[in-house]
Amino acid sequence: QVQLVESGGGLVQSGESLRLSCVASGNSFILGAVGWHRQAPGRQRELIGRITRDGVTNFADSGDGRFIISRDNDKNTVYLAMSRLKAVATVVYYCDAFCRITTTNIAPHVWGQGTQVTVVS
Protein backbone atom coordinates (compact mmCIF):
# COMPACT_ATOMS: atom_id res chain seq x y z
CA GLN A 1 0.00 0.00 0.00
CA VAL A 2 1.28 3.43 -0.92
CA GLN A 3 0.66 6.53 1.16
CA LEU A 4 1.10 10.20 0.40
CA VAL A 5 1.81 12.66 3.17
CA GLU A 6 1.82 16.40 2.66
CA SER A 7 3.71 18.76 4.91
CA GLY A 8 5.00 22.30 5.07
CA GLY A 9 1.76 24.10 5.69
CA GLY A 10 1.27 26.68 8.39
CA LEU A 11 0.71 30.35 9.03
CA VAL A 12 2.46 32.82 6.73
CA GLN A 13 2.30 36.51 5.95
CA SER A 14 0.75 37.84 2.78
CA GLY A 15 3.33 38.22 0.04
CA GLU A 16 5.63 35.55 1.44
CA SER A 17 6.60 32.25 -0.10
CA LEU A 18 6.08 28.71 1.09
CA ARG A 19 7.11 25.28 -0.11
CA LEU A 20 4.97 22.23 0.49
CA SER A 21 6.15 18.64 0.24
CA CYS A 22 4.35 15.48 -0.76
CA VAL A 23 6.18 12.32 0.24
CA ALA A 24 5.19 8.91 -1.02
CA SER A 25 5.96 5.83 1.04
CA GLY A 26 5.26 2.14 0.77
CA ASN A 27 6.71 -1.04 -0.64
CA SER A 28 7.72 -1.82 -4.21
CA PHE A 29 6.22 1.12 -6.01
CA ILE A 30 7.12 3.69 -8.59
CA LEU A 31 5.78 7.17 -8.09
CA GLY A 32 4.17 8.36 -11.29
CA ALA A 33 2.58 11.67 -12.13
CA VAL A 34 1.69 13.78 -9.12
CA GLY A 35 -0.84 16.55 -8.87
CA TRP A 36 -1.30 19.36 -6.42
CA HIS A 37 -4.75 20.64 -5.54
CA ARG A 38 -6.21 23.20 -3.20
CA GLN A 39 -9.53 23.52 -1.46
CA ALA A 40 -10.90 26.57 0.27
CA PRO A 41 -13.79 26.34 2.74
CA GLY A 42 -17.09 25.83 0.98
CA ARG A 43 -15.46 25.39 -2.40
CA GLN A 44 -14.64 22.44 -4.57
CA ARG A 45 -11.15 21.06 -4.67
CA GLU A 46 -9.33 22.48 -7.67
CA LEU A 47 -6.28 21.37 -9.54
CA ILE A 48 -3.22 23.59 -9.39
CA GLY A 49 -0.96 21.53 -11.61
CA ARG A 50 0.74 18.21 -12.24
CA ILE A 51 4.22 16.92 -12.78
CA THR A 52 5.14 13.77 -14.67
CA ARG A 53 7.80 11.39 -13.50
CA ASP A 54 10.13 12.99 -16.04
CA GLY A 55 9.54 16.42 -14.54
CA VAL A 56 7.21 17.86 -17.13
CA THR A 57 4.71 20.20 -15.52
CA ASN A 58 1.42 21.64 -16.58
CA PHE A 59 -0.81 24.00 -14.69
CA ALA A 60 -4.49 24.68 -14.57
CA ASP A 61 -5.79 28.21 -14.78
CA SER A 62 -5.75 28.38 -11.01
CA GLY A 63 -1.97 28.12 -11.11
CA ASP A 64 -1.90 31.87 -11.48
CA GLY A 65 1.79 31.87 -12.33
CA ARG A 66 2.78 31.79 -8.67
CA PHE A 67 3.37 28.07 -8.36
CA ILE A 68 6.31 25.85 -9.19
CA ILE A 69 6.08 22.09 -9.00
CA SER A 70 9.24 20.01 -8.81
CA ARG A 71 10.20 16.52 -7.70
CA ASP A 72 13.00 14.37 -6.40
CA ASN A 73 12.42 10.82 -7.55
CA ASP A 74 15.17 9.45 -5.32
CA LYS A 75 13.24 10.75 -2.33
CA ASN A 76 9.79 9.98 -3.74
CA THR A 77 8.96 13.59 -3.01
CA VAL A 78 7.16 16.26 -4.96
CA TYR A 79 7.23 19.92 -4.02
CA LEU A 80 4.89 22.82 -4.50
CA ALA A 81 6.59 26.17 -4.20
CA MET A 82 4.21 29.08 -3.83
CA SER A 83 5.15 32.71 -4.03
CA ARG A 84 3.38 36.03 -3.39
CA LEU A 85 0.82 34.31 -1.23
CA LYS A 86 -2.45 36.14 -0.84
CA ALA A 87 -4.38 36.63 2.37
CA VAL A 88 -7.46 34.51 1.83
CA ALA A 89 -9.37 31.99 3.90
CA THR A 90 -7.41 28.99 5.12
CA VAL A 91 -6.74 26.66 2.23
CA VAL A 92 -5.94 22.97 2.38
CA TYR A 93 -3.46 21.67 -0.17
CA TYR A 94 -3.57 18.08 -1.32
CA CYS A 95 -1.41 15.95 -3.54
CA ASP A 96 -2.49 12.93 -5.51
CA ALA A 97 -0.58 10.40 -7.52
CA PHE A 98 -0.71 7.21 -9.48
CA CYS A 99 1.78 4.85 -7.91
CA ARG A 100 2.59 1.70 -9.83
CA ILE A 101 3.06 -1.31 -7.62
CA THR A 102 5.92 -3.19 -9.22
CA THR A 103 4.85 -6.63 -7.96
CA THR A 104 1.35 -6.38 -9.43
CA ASN A 105 1.76 -3.69 -12.08
CA ILE A 106 -1.39 -2.06 -10.73
CA ALA A 107 -1.31 1.72 -10.37
CA PRO A 108 -3.72 2.82 -7.67
CA HIS A 109 -4.75 6.44 -7.40
CA VAL A 110 -3.72 7.77 -4.02
CA TRP A 111 -4.52 11.01 -2.19
CA GLY A 112 -2.76 12.59 0.73
CA GLN A 113 -4.57 13.90 3.78
CA GLY A 114 -3.78 17.53 3.04
CA THR A 115 -1.81 20.29 4.68
CA GLN A 116 -3.35 23.55 5.76
CA VAL A 117 -2.06 26.98 4.80
CA THR A 118 -3.27 30.19 6.36
CA VAL A 119 -2.10 33.47 4.90
CA VAL A 120 -2.58 36.58 7.04
CA SER A 121 -2.20 40.19 6.08
C-alpha atoms as a PDB file:
ATOM      1  CA  GLN A   1       0.000   0.000   0.000  1.00  0.00           C
ATOM      2  CA  VAL A   2       1.282   3.435  -0.917  1.00  0.00           C
ATOM      3  CA  GLN A   3       0.656   6.529   1.158  1.00  0.00           C
ATOM      4  CA  LEU A   4       1.102  10.200   0.404  1.00  0.00           C
ATOM      5  CA  VAL A   5       1.811  12.663   3.174  1.00  0.00           C
ATOM      6  CA  GLU A   6       1.816  16.402   2.656  1.00  0.00           C
ATOM      7  CA  SER A   7       3.708  18.764   4.910  1.00  0.00           C
ATOM      8  CA  GLY A   8       5.004  22.296   5.071  1.00  0.00           C
ATOM      9  CA  GLY A   9       1.757  24.105   5.693  1.00  0.00           C
ATOM     10  CA  GLY A  10       1.270  26.680   8.394  1.00  0.00           C
ATOM     11  CA  LEU A  11       0.711  30.353   9.027  1.00  0.00           C
ATOM     12  CA  VAL A  12       2.458  32.823   6.725  1.00  0.00           C
ATOM     13  CA  GLN A  13       2.299  36.507   5.946  1.00  0.00           C
ATOM     14  CA  SER A  14       0.745  37.844   2.782  1.00  0.00           C
ATOM     15  CA  GLY A  15       3.331  38.216   0.043  1.00  0.00           C
ATOM     16  CA  GLU A  16       5.628  35.553   1.444  1.00  0.00           C
ATOM     17  CA  SER A  17       6.598  32.250  -0.100  1.00  0.00           C
ATOM     18  CA  LEU A  18       6.078  28.706   1.087  1.00  0.00           C
ATOM     19  CA  ARG A  19       7.115  25.282  -0.109  1.00  0.00           C
ATOM     20  CA  LEU A  20       4.972  22.226   0.494  1.00  0.00           C
ATOM     21  CA  SER A  21       6.150  18.642   0.245  1.00  0.00           C
ATOM     22  CA  CYS A  22       4.354  15.484  -0.758  1.00  0.00           C
ATOM     23  CA  VAL A  23       6.179  12.322   0.244  1.00  0.00           C
ATOM     24  CA  ALA A  24       5.186   8.908  -1.017  1.00  0.00           C
ATOM     25  CA  SER A  25       5.959   5.833   1.037  1.00  0.00           C
ATOM     26  CA  GLY A  26       5.263   2.138   0.765  1.00  0.00           C
ATOM     27  CA  ASN A  27       6.713  -1.043  -0.643  1.00  0.00           C
ATOM     28  CA  SER A  28       7.721  -1.820  -4.212  1.00  0.00           C
ATOM     29  CA  PHE A  29       6.221   1.122  -6.006  1.00  0.00           C
ATOM     30  CA  ILE A  30       7.125   3.693  -8.591  1.00  0.00           C
ATOM     31  CA  LEU A  31       5.776   7.174  -8.093  1.00  0.00           C
ATOM     32  CA  GLY A  32       4.169   8.363 -11.294  1.00  0.00           C
ATOM     33  CA  ALA A  33       2.576  11.667 -12.132  1.00  0.00           C
ATOM     34  CA  VAL A  34       1.687  13.778  -9.116  1.00  0.00           C
ATOM     35  CA  GLY A  35      -0.843  16.547  -8.870  1.00  0.00           C
ATOM     36  CA  TRP A  36      -1.297  19.365  -6.418  1.00  0.00           C
ATOM     37  CA  HIS A  37      -4.751  20.638  -5.543  1.00  0.00           C
ATOM     38  CA  ARG A  38      -6.214  23.204  -3.204  1.00  0.00           C
ATOM     39  CA  GLN A  39      -9.530  23.521  -1.460  1.00  0.00           C
ATOM     40  CA  ALA A  40     -10.896  26.569   0.272  1.00  0.00           C
ATOM     41  CA  PRO A  41     -13.793  26.345   2.740  1.00  0.00           C
ATOM     42  CA  GLY A  42     -17.095  25.828   0.984  1.00  0.00           C
ATOM     43  CA  ARG A  43     -15.465  25.392  -2.401  1.00  0.00           C
ATOM     44  CA  GLN A  44     -14.636  22.439  -4.568  1.00  0.00           C
ATOM     45  CA  ARG A  45     -11.147  21.059  -4.666  1.00  0.00           C
ATOM     46  CA  GLU A  46      -9.334  22.476  -7.671  1.00  0.00           C
ATOM     47  CA  LEU A  47      -6.276  21.367  -9.543  1.00  0.00           C
ATOM     48  CA  ILE A  48      -3.219  23.586  -9.395  1.00  0.00           C
ATOM     49  CA  GLY A  49      -0.960  21.534 -11.614  1.00  0.00           C
ATOM     50  CA  ARG A  50       0.740  18.212 -12.238  1.00  0.00           C
ATOM     51  CA  ILE A  51       4.217  16.917 -12.780  1.00  0.00           C
ATOM     52  CA  THR A  52       5.138  13.773 -14.669  1.00  0.00           C
ATOM     53  CA  ARG A  53       7.797  11.395 -13.501  1.00  0.00           C
ATOM     54  CA  ASP A  54      10.125  12.988 -16.037  1.00  0.00           C
ATOM     55  CA  GLY A  55       9.538  16.421 -14.539  1.00  0.00           C
ATOM     56  CA  VAL A  56       7.212  17.865 -17.130  1.00  0.00           C
ATOM     57  CA  THR A  57       4.713  20.199 -15.521  1.00  0.00           C
ATOM     58  CA  ASN A  58       1.416  21.639 -16.585  1.00  0.00           C
ATOM     59  CA  PHE A  59      -0.814  23.996 -14.693  1.00  0.00           C
ATOM     60  CA  ALA A  60      -4.491  24.675 -14.568  1.00  0.00           C
ATOM     61  CA  ASP A  61      -5.786  28.212 -14.781  1.00  0.00           C
ATOM     62  CA  SER A  62      -5.752  28.383 -11.006  1.00  0.00           C
ATOM     63  CA  GLY A  63      -1.974  28.116 -11.108  1.00  0.00           C
ATOM     64  CA  ASP A  64      -1.904  31.867 -11.479  1.00  0.00           C
ATOM     65  CA  GLY A  65       1.787  31.874 -12.331  1.00  0.00           C
ATOM     66  CA  ARG A  66       2.783  31.792  -8.670  1.00  0.00           C
ATOM     67  CA  PHE A  67       3.366  28.069  -8.355  1.00  0.00           C
ATOM     68  CA  ILE A  68       6.309  25.854  -9.193  1.00  0.00           C
ATOM     69  CA  ILE A  69       6.077  22.089  -9.000  1.00  0.00           C
ATOM     70  CA  SER A  70       9.238  20.006  -8.811  1.00  0.00           C
ATOM     71  CA  ARG A  71      10.199  16.522  -7.705  1.00  0.00           C
ATOM     72  CA  ASP A  72      13.004  14.374  -6.398  1.00  0.00           C
ATOM     73  CA  ASN A  73      12.419  10.817  -7.552  1.00  0.00           C
ATOM     74  CA  ASP A  74      15.174   9.449  -5.318  1.00  0.00           C
ATOM     75  CA  LYS A  75      13.239  10.749  -2.327  1.00  0.00           C
ATOM     76  CA  ASN A  76       9.790   9.980  -3.743  1.00  0.00           C
ATOM     77  CA  THR A  77       8.957  13.591  -3.013  1.00  0.00           C
ATOM     78  CA  VAL A  78       7.157  16.259  -4.964  1.00  0.00           C
ATOM     79  CA  TYR A  79       7.227  19.917  -4.023  1.00  0.00           C
ATOM     80  CA  LEU A  80       4.888  22.817  -4.505  1.00  0.00           C
ATOM     81  CA  ALA A  81       6.594  26.172  -4.203  1.00  0.00           C
ATOM     82  CA  MET A  82       4.209  29.080  -3.830  1.00  0.00           C
ATOM     83  CA  SER A  83       5.153  32.714  -4.031  1.00  0.00           C
ATOM     84  CA  ARG A  84       3.384  36.025  -3.391  1.00  0.00           C
ATOM     85  CA  LEU A  85       0.824  34.312  -1.231  1.00  0.00           C
ATOM     86  CA  LYS A  86      -2.446  36.144  -0.842  1.00  0.00           C
ATOM     87  CA  ALA A  87      -4.378  36.631   2.369  1.00  0.00           C
ATOM     88  CA  VAL A  88      -7.464  34.505   1.828  1.00  0.00           C
ATOM     89  CA  ALA A  89      -9.368  31.994   3.901  1.00  0.00           C
ATOM     90  CA  THR A  90      -7.405  28.994   5.118  1.00  0.00           C
ATOM     91  CA  VAL A  91      -6.739  26.664   2.234  1.00  0.00           C
ATOM     92  CA  VAL A  92      -5.945  22.971   2.377  1.00  0.00           C
ATOM     93  CA  TYR A  93      -3.461  21.667  -0.169  1.00  0.00           C
ATOM     94  CA  TYR A  94      -3.573  18.077  -1.319  1.00  0.00           C
ATOM     95  CA  CYS A  95      -1.407  15.948  -3.539  1.00  0.00           C
ATOM     96  CA  ASP A  96      -2.495  12.925  -5.514  1.00  0.00           C
ATOM     97  CA  ALA A  97      -0.575  10.397  -7.523  1.00  0.00           C
ATOM     98  CA  PHE A  98      -0.708   7.214  -9.478  1.00  0.00           C
ATOM     99  CA  CYS A  99       1.780   4.846  -7.908  1.00  0.00           C
ATOM    100  CA  ARG A 100       2.590   1.701  -9.833  1.00  0.00           C
ATOM    101  CA  ILE A 101       3.056  -1.306  -7.617  1.00  0.00           C
ATOM    102  CA  THR A 102       5.922  -3.187  -9.216  1.00  0.00           C
ATOM    103  CA  THR A 103       4.848  -6.629  -7.959  1.00  0.00           C
ATOM    104  CA  THR A 104       1.350  -6.380  -9.434  1.00  0.00           C
ATOM    105  CA  ASN A 105       1.759  -3.686 -12.079  1.00  0.00           C
ATOM    106  CA  ILE A 106      -1.394  -2.062 -10.729  1.00  0.00           C
ATOM    107  CA  ALA A 107      -1.306   1.717 -10.367  1.00  0.00           C
ATOM    108  CA  PRO A 108      -3.719   2.825  -7.670  1.00  0.00           C
ATOM    109  CA  HIS A 109      -4.753   6.438  -7.404  1.00  0.00           C
ATOM    110  CA  VAL A 110      -3.716   7.770  -4.020  1.00  0.00           C
ATOM    111  CA  TRP A 111      -4.524  11.009  -2.186  1.00  0.00           C
ATOM    112  CA  GLY A 112      -2.763  12.591   0.729  1.00  0.00           C
ATOM    113  CA  GLN A 113      -4.569  13.895   3.781  1.00  0.00           C
ATOM    114  CA  GLY A 114      -3.777  17.526   3.037  1.00  0.00           C
ATOM    115  CA  THR A 115      -1.812  20.288   4.682  1.00  0.00           C
ATOM    116  CA  GLN A 116      -3.354  23.548   5.764  1.00  0.00           C
ATOM    117  CA  VAL A 117      -2.059  26.979   4.804  1.00  0.00           C
ATOM    118  CA  THR A 118      -3.268  30.190   6.361  1.00  0.00           C
ATOM    119  CA  VAL A 119      -2.099  33.472   4.899  1.00  0.00           C
ATOM    120  CA  VAL A 120      -2.577  36.576   7.039  1.00  0.00           C
ATOM    121  CA  SER A 121      -2.196  40.191   6.076  1.00  0.00           C
END
